[in-house]
């Protein structure tokens, strides 16, 4: 088996990464900025107390009456619920510095937002838009979302576990930010996910075994973090996986032989880690794979 060093450009699907990892930026729409959007409480999104989980509170008298009515009429329409979640996201990520986004315009005219025929948000793509602050849990209310791409911003804090509520999500890209903390095991609930990019952050802790439940996953990029512990053998359950990048982490222990079950794997990079032992023979027999195991010998 020939060994070839793999580079995925730090897990950047917006750059010159590996095949199948490119994304075209959504078209920009014009919007008029609204001032004084109050930030909902986390208790609201979690359904604690009297506040509905899908309806952040809004009491700003300066907002136009039509929008105020929409935000205060809990559960009025599904599109209104999505609008509230986007406004909460705008407030939490220093929106006025990256886009005049909040307006009466249809949501599909907001920059980076796509919707379906019912006006429900299906895509949010804001890569390299100078977003800062923390990702609010209210994004977990965008239940029709299929794509969330926030690559290349200055987002900090932890990945909210509420993203695990996005049952229709197929693509999640949070690479190249300043995110910290552990990878939420709730991401293992995203049964339809095919692409997961979390590279180039400050993530720590172990790789959740729950990621082994993502049986539709094709691309898994976790490189350039501070992840530790052993590689979960459950990753060997990802039968559709074609690209796996775990390099530049603090992973330890031996390479699980279960990775040899990944019959569709084309790219594998486990270099620049603290892995020990040898490369299992189950991986050596996959002659079509472009792999980098660092200095580890084959068993």
C-alpha atoms as a PDB file:
ATOM      1  CA  UNK A   1       0.000   0.000   0.000  1.00  0.00           C
ATOM      2  CA  UNK A   2       1.405   3.352  -1.019  1.00  0.00           C
ATOM      3  CA  UNK A   3       1.352   6.103   1.568  1.00  0.00           C
ATOM      4  CA  UNK A   4       0.626   9.633   0.472  1.00  0.00           C
ATOM      5  CA  UNK A   5       0.448  12.627   2.759  1.00  0.00           C
ATOM      6  CA  UNK A   6      -3.006  14.181   2.712  1.00  0.00           C
ATOM      7  CA  UNK A   7      -3.790  17.827   3.196  1.00  0.00           C
ATOM      8  CA  UNK A   8      -7.303  19.168   3.553  1.00  0.00           C
ATOM      9  CA  UNK A   9      -6.264  22.810   3.911  1.00  0.00           C
ATOM     10  CA  UNK A  10      -7.163  22.703   7.572  1.00  0.00           C
ATOM     11  CA  UNK A  11     -10.588  21.283   6.833  1.00  0.00           C
ATOM     12  CA  UNK A  12     -11.583  24.295   4.751  1.00  0.00           C
ATOM     13  CA  UNK A  13     -14.362  23.251   2.388  1.00  0.00           C
ATOM     14  CA  UNK A  14     -14.362  26.786   1.043  1.00  0.00           C
ATOM     15  CA  UNK A  15     -10.724  26.581  -0.020  1.00  0.00           C
ATOM     16  CA  UNK A  16      -8.675  24.116  -2.009  1.00  0.00           C
ATOM     17  CA  UNK A  17      -9.691  21.130   0.073  1.00  0.00           C
ATOM     18  CA  UNK A  18     -10.253  17.546  -0.930  1.00  0.00           C
ATOM     19  CA  UNK A  19     -12.790  16.511  -3.572  1.00  0.00           C
ATOM     20  CA  UNK A  20     -16.434  16.910  -2.645  1.00  0.00           C
ATOM     21  CA  UNK A  21     -15.713  19.572  -0.041  1.00  0.00           C
ATOM     22  CA  UNK A  22     -16.477  22.766  -1.955  1.00  0.00           C
ATOM     23  CA  UNK A  23     -19.410  25.105  -1.377  1.00  0.00           C
ATOM     24  CA  UNK A  24     -20.620  28.030  -3.417  1.00  0.00           C
ATOM     25  CA  UNK A  25     -21.512  31.088  -1.404  1.00  0.00           C
ATOM     26  CA  UNK A  26     -25.175  32.098  -1.417  1.00  0.00           C
ATOM     27  CA  UNK A  27     -26.258  35.282  -3.120  1.00  0.00           C
ATOM     28  CA  UNK A  28     -26.491  38.441  -1.106  1.00  0.00           C
ATOM     29  CA  UNK A  29     -29.801  40.153  -0.476  1.00  0.00           C
ATOM     30  CA  UNK A  30     -30.405  43.701   0.644  1.00  0.00           C
ATOM     31  CA  UNK A  31     -31.829  44.357   4.104  1.00  0.00           C
ATOM     32  CA  UNK A  32     -32.505  47.296   6.363  1.00  0.00           C
ATOM     33  CA  UNK A  33     -31.064  47.136   9.860  1.00  0.00           C
ATOM     34  CA  UNK A  34     -33.378  47.346  12.849  1.00  0.00           C
ATOM     35  CA  UNK A  35     -32.039  48.677  16.124  1.00  0.00           C
ATOM     36  CA  UNK A  36     -32.407  47.474  19.680  1.00  0.00           C
ATOM     37  CA  UNK A  37     -33.166  43.781  19.163  1.00  0.00           C
ATOM     38  CA  UNK A  38     -33.306  42.256  22.685  1.00  0.00           C
ATOM     39  CA  UNK A  39     -31.619  38.915  23.193  1.00  0.00           C
ATOM     40  CA  UNK A  40     -33.856  36.050  24.344  1.00  0.00           C
ATOM     41  CA  UNK A  41     -33.004  33.963  27.393  1.00  0.00           C
ATOM     42  CA  UNK A  42     -31.536  30.488  27.172  1.00  0.00           C
ATOM     43  CA  UNK A  43     -34.428  29.323  29.325  1.00  0.00           C
ATOM     44  CA  UNK A  44     -36.744  30.262  26.479  1.00  0.00           C
ATOM     45  CA  UNK A  45     -35.071  28.045  23.927  1.00  0.00           C
ATOM     46  CA  UNK A  46     -35.037  25.134  26.337  1.00  0.00           C
ATOM     47  CA  UNK A  47     -38.701  25.593  27.228  1.00  0.00           C
ATOM     48  CA  UNK A  48     -38.018  26.435  30.885  1.00  0.00           C
ATOM     49  CA  UNK A  49     -40.652  28.566  32.565  1.00  0.00           C
ATOM     50  CA  UNK A  50     -43.464  30.283  30.710  1.00  0.00           C
ATOM     51  CA  UNK A  51     -41.422  31.283  27.645  1.00  0.00           C
ATOM     52  CA  UNK A  52     -41.948  29.020  24.634  1.00  0.00           C
ATOM     53  CA  UNK A  53     -38.808  27.303  23.351  1.00  0.00           C
ATOM     54  CA  UNK A  54     -39.456  28.485  19.812  1.00  0.00           C
ATOM     55  CA  UNK A  55     -40.356  32.068  20.616  1.00  0.00           C
ATOM     56  CA  UNK A  56     -37.698  34.481  21.947  1.00  0.00           C
ATOM     57  CA  UNK A  57     -39.170  37.478  23.707  1.00  0.00           C
ATOM     58  CA  UNK A  58     -39.128  40.815  21.891  1.00  0.00           C
ATOM     59  CA  UNK A  59     -40.403  44.038  23.457  1.00  0.00           C
ATOM     60  CA  UNK A  60     -38.516  46.752  21.607  1.00  0.00           C
ATOM     61  CA  UNK A  61     -41.002  49.552  21.007  1.00  0.00           C
ATOM     62  CA  UNK A  62     -38.800  50.987  18.268  1.00  0.00           C
ATOM     63  CA  UNK A  63     -39.438  47.957  16.066  1.00  0.00           C
ATOM     64  CA  UNK A  64     -42.187  48.438  13.461  1.00  0.00           C
ATOM     65  CA  UNK A  65     -45.603  47.346  14.708  1.00  0.00           C
ATOM     66  CA  UNK A  66     -46.028  44.544  12.179  1.00  0.00           C
ATOM     67  CA  UNK A  67     -42.760  42.884  13.168  1.00  0.00           C
ATOM     68  CA  UNK A  68     -43.364  43.405  16.875  1.00  0.00           C
ATOM     69  CA  UNK A  69     -46.767  41.747  16.538  1.00  0.00           C
ATOM     70  CA  UNK A  70     -45.230  38.833  14.676  1.00  0.00           C
ATOM     71  CA  UNK A  71     -42.584  38.274  17.325  1.00  0.00           C
ATOM     72  CA  UNK A  72     -44.987  38.523  20.236  1.00  0.00           C
ATOM     73  CA  UNK A  73     -47.701  36.285  18.775  1.00  0.00           C
ATOM     74  CA  UNK A  74     -46.237  32.999  19.929  1.00  0.00           C
ATOM     75  CA  UNK A  75     -46.456  30.250  17.338  1.00  0.00           C
ATOM     76  CA  UNK A  76     -48.132  32.534  14.778  1.00  0.00           C
ATOM     77  CA  UNK A  77     -46.451  30.935  11.753  1.00  0.00           C
ATOM     78  CA  UNK A  78     -43.495  28.653  11.158  1.00  0.00           C
ATOM     79  CA  UNK A  79     -41.771  31.339   9.100  1.00  0.00           C
ATOM     80  CA  UNK A  80     -42.190  33.800  11.981  1.00  0.00           C
ATOM     81  CA  UNK A  81     -40.563  31.326  14.335  1.00  0.00           C
ATOM     82  CA  UNK A  82     -37.588  31.047  11.997  1.00  0.00           C
ATOM     83  CA  UNK A  83     -37.367  34.837  11.761  1.00  0.00           C
ATOM     84  CA  UNK A  84     -37.103  35.054  15.557  1.00  0.00           C
ATOM     85  CA  UNK A  85     -34.285  32.511  15.602  1.00  0.00           C
ATOM     86  CA  UNK A  86     -32.369  34.460  12.935  1.00  0.00           C
ATOM     87  CA  UNK A  87     -32.830  37.738  14.824  1.00  0.00           C
ATOM     88  CA  UNK A  88     -31.460  36.068  17.959  1.00  0.00           C
ATOM     89  CA  UNK A  89     -28.484  34.842  15.908  1.00  0.00           C
ATOM     90  CA  UNK A  90     -27.943  38.333  14.482  1.00  0.00           C
ATOM     91  CA  UNK A  91     -27.913  39.867  17.968  1.00  0.00           C
ATOM     92  CA  UNK A  92     -25.590  37.230  19.432  1.00  0.00           C
ATOM     93  CA  UNK A  93     -22.982  37.512  16.667  1.00  0.00           C
ATOM     94  CA  UNK A  94     -22.575  41.306  16.509  1.00  0.00           C
ATOM     95  CA  UNK A  95     -24.858  41.539  13.480  1.00  0.00           C
ATOM     96  CA  UNK A  96     -24.596  45.299  12.852  1.00  0.00           C
ATOM     97  CA  UNK A  97     -20.884  44.844  12.105  1.00  0.00           C
ATOM     98  CA  UNK A  98     -21.365  42.193   9.433  1.00  0.00           C
ATOM     99  CA  UNK A  99     -24.738  42.782   7.765  1.00  0.00           C
ATOM    100  CA  UNK A 100     -27.782  45.053   7.711  1.00  0.00           C
ATOM    101  CA  UNK A 101     -29.827  41.907   8.016  1.00  0.00           C
ATOM    102  CA  UNK A 102     -32.969  42.418  10.100  1.00  0.00           C
ATOM    103  CA  UNK A 103     -35.789  43.738   7.901  1.00  0.00           C
ATOM    104  CA  UNK A 104     -39.351  43.166   6.747  1.00  0.00           C
ATOM    105  CA  UNK A 105     -38.044  41.530   3.566  1.00  0.00           C
ATOM    106  CA  UNK A 106     -38.751  37.839   2.978  1.00  0.00           C
ATOM    107  CA  UNK A 107     -36.117  35.696   4.664  1.00  0.00           C
ATOM    108  CA  UNK A 108     -34.793  34.377   1.358  1.00  0.00           C
ATOM    109  CA  UNK A 109     -33.710  37.955   0.577  1.00  0.00           C
ATOM    110  CA  UNK A 110     -31.485  38.065   3.659  1.00  0.00           C
ATOM    111  CA  UNK A 111     -27.840  37.494   2.827  1.00  0.00           C
ATOM    112  CA  UNK A 112     -26.871  33.832   3.177  1.00  0.00           C
ATOM    113  CA  UNK A 113     -30.407  32.614   3.935  1.00  0.00           C
ATOM    114  CA  UNK A 114     -32.326  30.181   1.755  1.00  0.00           C
ATOM    115  CA  UNK A 115     -35.905  29.044   2.296  1.00  0.00           C
ATOM    116  CA  UNK A 116     -38.342  26.505   0.928  1.00  0.00           C
ATOM    117  CA  UNK A 117     -41.720  27.233  -0.686  1.00  0.00           C
ATOM    118  CA  UNK A 118     -43.305  27.553   2.762  1.00  0.00           C
ATOM    119  CA  UNK A 119     -40.843  30.260   3.805  1.00  0.00           C
ATOM    120  CA  UNK A 120     -39.046  27.973   6.248  1.00  0.00           C
ATOM    121  CA  UNK A 121     -35.281  28.464   6.514  1.00  0.00           C
ATOM    122  CA  UNK A 122     -33.401  25.586   4.896  1.00  0.00           C
ATOM    123  CA  UNK A 123     -29.916  27.099   4.585  1.00  0.00           C
ATOM    124  CA  UNK A 124     -27.716  29.543   6.499  1.00  0.00           C
ATOM    125  CA  UNK A 125     -24.372  30.191   4.813  1.00  0.00           C
ATOM    126  CA  UNK A 126     -22.291  33.042   6.248  1.00  0.00           C
ATOM    127  CA  UNK A 127     -18.681  32.031   5.778  1.00  0.00           C
ATOM    128  CA  UNK A 128     -15.953  34.635   6.180  1.00  0.00           C
ATOM    129  CA  UNK A 129     -18.465  37.319   7.191  1.00  0.00           C
ATOM    130  CA  UNK A 130     -16.613  38.553  10.321  1.00  0.00           C
ATOM    131  CA  UNK A 131     -19.164  37.119  12.726  1.00  0.00           C
ATOM    132  CA  UNK A 132     -18.083  37.246  16.384  1.00  0.00           C
ATOM    133  CA  UNK A 133     -19.579  36.225  19.700  1.00  0.00           C
ATOM    134  CA  UNK A 134     -21.131  32.884  20.572  1.00  0.00           C
ATOM    135  CA  UNK A 135     -23.443  30.703  18.513  1.00  0.00           C
ATOM    136  CA  UNK A 136     -26.841  31.077  20.216  1.00  0.00           C
ATOM    137  CA  UNK A 137     -28.852  27.965  21.096  1.00  0.00           C
ATOM    138  CA  UNK A 138     -31.844  29.408  19.222  1.00  0.00           C
ATOM    139  CA  UNK A 139     -30.428  28.100  15.966  1.00  0.00           C
ATOM    140  CA  UNK A 140     -31.696  24.758  17.214  1.00  0.00           C
ATOM    141  CA  UNK A 141     -35.204  26.055  16.411  1.00  0.00           C
ATOM    142  CA  UNK A 142     -34.540  26.115  12.653  1.00  0.00           C
ATOM    143  CA  UNK A 143     -35.964  22.634  12.301  1.00  0.00           C
ATOM    144  CA  UNK A 144     -36.079  22.687   8.480  1.00  0.00           C
ATOM    145  CA  UNK A 145     -32.404  23.623   8.196  1.00  0.00           C
ATOM    146  CA  UNK A 146     -30.407  21.349   5.914  1.00  0.00           C
ATOM    147  CA  UNK A 147     -27.176  23.376   5.699  1.00  0.00           C
ATOM    148  CA  UNK A 148     -25.393  25.486   8.322  1.00  0.00           C
ATOM    149  CA  UNK A 149     -22.093  26.986   7.175  1.00  0.00           C
ATOM    150  CA  UNK A 150     -20.341  29.482   9.459  1.00  0.00           C
ATOM    151  CA  UNK A 151     -16.800  28.745   8.283  1.00  0.00           C
ATOM    152  CA  UNK A 152     -14.009  31.279   8.679  1.00  0.00           C
ATOM    153  CA  UNK A 153     -15.448  33.677  11.250  1.00  0.00           C
ATOM    154  CA  UNK A 154     -14.462  34.700  14.795  1.00  0.00           C
ATOM    155  CA  UNK A 155     -17.097  32.780  16.688  1.00  0.00           C
ATOM    156  CA  UNK A 156     -16.141  31.739  20.212  1.00  0.00           C
ATOM    157  CA  UNK A 157     -17.583  29.802  23.122  1.00  0.00           C
ATOM    158  CA  UNK A 158     -18.927  26.287  22.948  1.00  0.00           C
ATOM    159  CA  UNK A 159     -20.926  24.558  20.242  1.00  0.00           C
ATOM    160  CA  UNK A 160     -24.509  24.630  21.537  1.00  0.00           C
ATOM    161  CA  UNK A 161     -25.905  21.128  22.052  1.00  0.00           C
ATOM    162  CA  UNK A 162     -29.226  22.421  20.694  1.00  0.00           C
ATOM    163  CA  UNK A 163     -27.775  22.012  17.193  1.00  0.00           C
ATOM    164  CA  UNK A 164     -28.487  18.341  17.760  1.00  0.00           C
ATOM    165  CA  UNK A 165     -32.191  19.220  17.287  1.00  0.00           C
ATOM    166  CA  UNK A 166     -31.659  19.963  13.587  1.00  0.00           C
ATOM    167  CA  UNK A 167     -32.938  16.611  12.381  1.00  0.00           C
ATOM    168  CA  UNK A 168     -32.903  17.623   8.690  1.00  0.00           C
ATOM    169  CA  UNK A 169     -29.328  18.924   8.681  1.00  0.00           C
ATOM    170  CA  UNK A 170     -27.075  17.385   6.047  1.00  0.00           C
ATOM    171  CA  UNK A 171     -24.101  19.761   6.226  1.00  0.00           C
ATOM    172  CA  UNK A 172     -22.550  21.441   9.277  1.00  0.00           C
ATOM    173  CA  UNK A 173     -19.433  23.565   8.830  1.00  0.00           C
ATOM    174  CA  UNK A 174     -18.032  25.443  11.845  1.00  0.00           C
ATOM    175  CA  UNK A 175     -14.359  25.211  10.843  1.00  0.00           C
ATOM    176  CA  UNK A 176     -11.831  28.026  11.223  1.00  0.00           C
ATOM    177  CA  UNK A 177     -13.358  29.812  14.216  1.00  0.00           C
ATOM    178  CA  UNK A 178     -12.341  30.145  17.879  1.00  0.00           C
ATOM    179  CA  UNK A 179     -14.782  27.607  19.271  1.00  0.00           C
ATOM    180  CA  UNK A 180     -13.767  25.844  22.491  1.00  0.00           C
ATOM    181  CA  UNK A 181     -15.040  23.169  24.833  1.00  0.00           C
ATOM    182  CA  UNK A 182     -16.047  19.663  23.881  1.00  0.00           C
ATOM    183  CA  UNK A 183     -17.868  18.405  20.815  1.00  0.00           C
ATOM    184  CA  UNK A 184     -21.482  17.963  21.961  1.00  0.00           C
ATOM    185  CA  UNK A 185     -22.526  14.312  21.900  1.00  0.00           C
ATOM    186  CA  UNK A 186     -25.943  15.580  20.759  1.00  0.00           C
ATOM    187  CA  UNK A 187     -24.474  15.982  17.267  1.00  0.00           C
ATOM    188  CA  UNK A 188     -24.816  12.209  17.086  1.00  0.00           C
ATOM    189  CA  UNK A 189     -28.580  12.804  16.720  1.00  0.00           C
ATOM    190  CA  UNK A 190     -28.127  14.311  13.257  1.00  0.00           C
ATOM    191  CA  UNK A 191     -29.091  11.157  11.405  1.00  0.00           C
ATOM    192  CA  UNK A 192     -29.170  12.852   7.972  1.00  0.00           C
ATOM    193  CA  UNK A 193     -25.779  14.531   8.289  1.00  0.00           C
ATOM    194  CA  UNK A 194     -23.380  13.810   5.422  1.00  0.00           C
ATOM    195  CA  UNK A 195     -20.660  16.438   6.081  1.00  0.00           C
ATOM    196  CA  UNK A 196     -19.258  17.566   9.439  1.00  0.00           C
ATOM    197  CA  UNK A 197     -16.464  20.157   9.533  1.00  0.00           C
ATOM    198  CA  UNK A 198     -15.112  21.283  12.925  1.00  0.00           C
ATOM    199  CA  UNK A 199     -11.433  21.785  12.025  1.00  0.00           C
ATOM    200  CA  UNK A 200      -9.246  24.744  13.051  1.00  0.00           C
ATOM    201  CA  UNK A 201     -10.847  25.565  16.382  1.00  0.00           C
ATOM    202  CA  UNK A 202      -9.827  25.092  20.004  1.00  0.00           C
ATOM    203  CA  UNK A 203     -12.007  22.085  20.721  1.00  0.00           C
ATOM    204  CA  UNK A 204     -10.876  19.780  23.516  1.00  0.00           C
ATOM    205  CA  UNK A 205     -11.943  16.578  25.210  1.00  0.00           C
ATOM    206  CA  UNK A 206     -12.597  13.258  23.555  1.00  0.00           C
ATOM    207  CA  UNK A 207     -14.275  12.553  20.243  1.00  0.00           C
ATOM    208  CA  UNK A 208     -17.841  11.581  21.210  1.00  0.00           C
ATOM    209  CA  UNK A 209     -18.645   7.942  20.579  1.00  0.00           C
ATOM    210  CA  UNK A 210     -22.084   9.171  19.465  1.00  0.00           C
ATOM    211  CA  UNK A 211     -20.567  10.352  16.181  1.00  0.00           C
ATOM    212  CA  UNK A 212     -20.436   6.683  15.263  1.00  0.00           C
ATOM    213  CA  UNK A 213     -24.227   6.851  14.852  1.00  0.00           C
ATOM    214  CA  UNK A 214     -23.957   9.179  11.835  1.00  0.00           C
ATOM    215  CA  UNK A 215     -24.240   6.383   9.315  1.00  0.00           C
ATOM    216  CA  UNK A 216     -24.882   8.773   6.388  1.00  0.00           C
ATOM    217  CA  UNK A 217     -21.705  10.749   7.062  1.00  0.00           C
ATOM    218  CA  UNK A 218     -19.286  11.014   4.149  1.00  0.00           C
ATOM    219  CA  UNK A 219     -16.865  13.725   5.337  1.00  0.00           C
ATOM    220  CA  UNK A 220     -15.541  14.124   8.901  1.00  0.00           C
ATOM    221  CA  UNK A 221     -12.948  16.865   9.478  1.00  0.00           C
ATOM    222  CA  UNK A 222     -11.761  17.367  13.087  1.00  0.00           C
ATOM    223  CA  UNK A 223      -8.157  18.390  12.451  1.00  0.00           C
ATOM    224  CA  UNK A 224      -6.255  21.309  14.042  1.00  0.00           C
ATOM    225  CA  UNK A 225      -7.877  21.118  17.478  1.00  0.00           C
ATOM    226  CA  UNK A 226      -6.814  19.898  20.927  1.00  0.00           C
ATOM    227  CA  UNK A 227      -8.876  16.730  20.995  1.00  0.00           C
ATOM    228  CA  UNK A 228      -7.519  14.060  23.319  1.00  0.00           C
ATOM    229  CA  UNK A 229      -8.160  10.464  24.306  1.00  0.00           C
ATOM    230  CA  UNK A 230      -8.462   7.507  21.981  1.00  0.00           C
ATOM    231  CA  UNK A 231     -10.096   7.344  18.568  1.00  0.00           C
ATOM    232  CA  UNK A 232     -13.534   5.807  19.214  1.00  0.00           C
ATOM    233  CA  UNK A 233     -13.852   2.396  17.555  1.00  0.00           C
ATOM    234  CA  UNK A 234     -17.473   3.404  16.854  1.00  0.00           C
ATOM    235  CA  UNK A 235     -16.163   5.497  13.952  1.00  0.00           C
ATOM    236  CA  UNK A 236     -15.769   2.177  12.196  1.00  0.00           C
ATOM    237  CA  UNK A 237     -19.585   2.138  11.877  1.00  0.00           C
ATOM    238  CA  UNK A 238     -19.530   5.040   9.395  1.00  0.00           C
ATOM    239  CA  UNK A 239     -19.930   2.831   6.354  1.00  0.00           C
ATOM    240  CA  UNK A 240     -20.387   5.750   3.933  1.00  0.00           C
ATOM    241  CA  UNK A 241     -17.371   7.745   5.126  1.00  0.00           C
ATOM    242  CA  UNK A 242     -14.988   8.742   2.328  1.00  0.00           C
ATOM    243  CA  UNK A 243     -12.754  11.302   4.105  1.00  0.00           C
ATOM    244  CA  UNK A 244     -11.530  11.269   7.715  1.00  0.00           C
ATOM    245  CA  UNK A 245      -9.118  13.931   8.970  1.00  0.00           C
ATOM    246  CA  UNK A 246      -8.047  13.828  12.631  1.00  0.00           C
ATOM    247  CA  UNK A 247      -4.501  15.174  12.320  1.00  0.00           C
ATOM    248  CA  UNK A 248      -2.951  17.851  14.528  1.00  0.00           C
ATOM    249  CA  UNK A 249      -4.687  16.800  17.724  1.00  0.00           C
ATOM    250  CA  UNK A 250      -3.560  15.246  21.014  1.00  0.00           C
ATOM    251  CA  UNK A 251      -5.143  11.876  20.330  1.00  0.00           C
ATOM    252  CA  UNK A 252      -3.463   8.938  22.070  1.00  0.00           C
ATOM    253  CA  UNK A 253      -3.664   5.184  22.218  1.00  0.00           C
ATOM    254  CA  UNK A 254      -3.674   2.846  19.248  1.00  0.00           C
ATOM    255  CA  UNK A 255      -5.531   3.113  15.960  1.00  0.00           C
ATOM    256  CA  UNK A 256      -8.707   1.042  16.342  1.00  0.00           C
ATOM    257  CA  UNK A 257      -8.775  -1.842  13.847  1.00  0.00           C
ATOM    258  CA  UNK A 258     -12.477  -1.054  13.300  1.00  0.00           C
ATOM    259  CA  UNK A 259     -11.392   1.745  10.963  1.00  0.00           C
ATOM    260  CA  UNK A 260     -10.602  -1.036   8.527  1.00  0.00           C
ATOM    261  CA  UNK A 261     -14.364  -1.498   8.152  1.00  0.00           C
ATOM    262  CA  UNK A 262     -14.590   1.795   6.269  1.00  0.00           C
ATOM    263  CA  UNK A 263     -14.719   0.265   2.821  1.00  0.00           C
ATOM    264  CA  UNK A 264     -15.516   3.569   1.072  1.00  0.00           C
ATOM    265  CA  UNK A 265     -12.700   5.566   2.686  1.00  0.00           C
ATOM    266  CA  UNK A 266     -10.516   7.463   0.208  1.00  0.00           C
ATOM    267  CA  UNK A 267      -8.631   9.875   2.475  1.00  0.00           C
ATOM    268  CA  UNK A 268      -7.362   9.239   5.998  1.00  0.00           C
ATOM    269  CA  UNK A 269      -4.939  11.460   7.932  1.00  0.00           C
ATOM    270  CA  UNK A 270      -3.982  10.646  11.523  1.00  0.00           C
ATOM    271  CA  UNK A 271      -0.605  12.404  11.504  1.00  0.00           C
ATOM    272  CA  UNK A 272       0.749  14.871  14.090  1.00  0.00           C
ATOM    273  CA  UNK A 273      -0.971  13.183  17.009  1.00  0.00           C
ATOM    274  CA  UNK A 274       0.237  11.147  19.996  1.00  0.00           C
ATOM    275  CA  UNK A 275      -1.006   7.841  18.654  1.00  0.00           C
ATOM    276  CA  UNK A 276       1.129   4.808  19.463  1.00  0.00           C
ATOM    277  CA  UNK A 277       1.467   1.203  18.393  1.00  0.00           C
ATOM    278  CA  UNK A 278       1.206   0.267  14.754  1.00  0.00           C
ATOM    279  CA  UNK A 279      -1.196   0.621  11.842  1.00  0.00           C
ATOM    280  CA  UNK A 280      -3.679  -2.290  11.881  1.00  0.00           C
ATOM    281  CA  UNK A 281      -3.438  -4.726   9.007  1.00  0.00           C
ATOM    282  CA  UNK A 282      -7.105  -4.064   8.282  1.00  0.00           C
ATOM    283  CA  UNK A 283      -6.076  -0.606   7.042  1.00  0.00           C
ATOM    284  CA  UNK A 284      -2.983  -1.830   5.209  1.00  0.00           C
ATOM    285  CA  UNK A 285      -5.181  -3.961   2.994  1.00  0.00           C
ATOM    286  CA  UNK A 286      -7.130  -0.939   1.738  1.00  0.00           C
ATOM    287  CA  UNK A 287      -4.830  -0.251  -1.188  1.00  0.00           C
ATOM    288  CA  UNK A 288      -6.990   2.486  -2.712  1.00  0.00           C
ATOM    289  CA  UNK A 289      -6.762   4.802   0.296  1.00  0.00           C
ATOM    290  CA  UNK A 290      -4.617   7.956   0.415  1.00  0.00           C
ATOM    291  CA  UNK A 291      -3.383   7.886   3.982  1.00  0.00           C
ATOM    292  CA  UNK A 292      -0.965   9.492   6.406  1.00  0.00           C
ATOM    293  CA  UNK A 293      -0.194   7.729   9.668  1.00  0.00           C
ATOM    294  CA  UNK A 294       2.801   9.853  10.576  1.00  0.00           C
ATOM    295  CA  UNK A 295       5.726   7.709  11.716  1.00  0.00           C
ATOM    296  CA  UNK A 296       3.670   4.706  12.802  1.00  0.00           C
ATOM    297  CA  UNK A 297       4.758   1.415  11.224  1.00  0.00           C
ATOM    298  CA  UNK A 298       2.395  -1.223   9.921  1.00  0.00           C
ATOM    299  CA  UNK A 299       1.714  -4.155  12.220  1.00  0.00           C
END
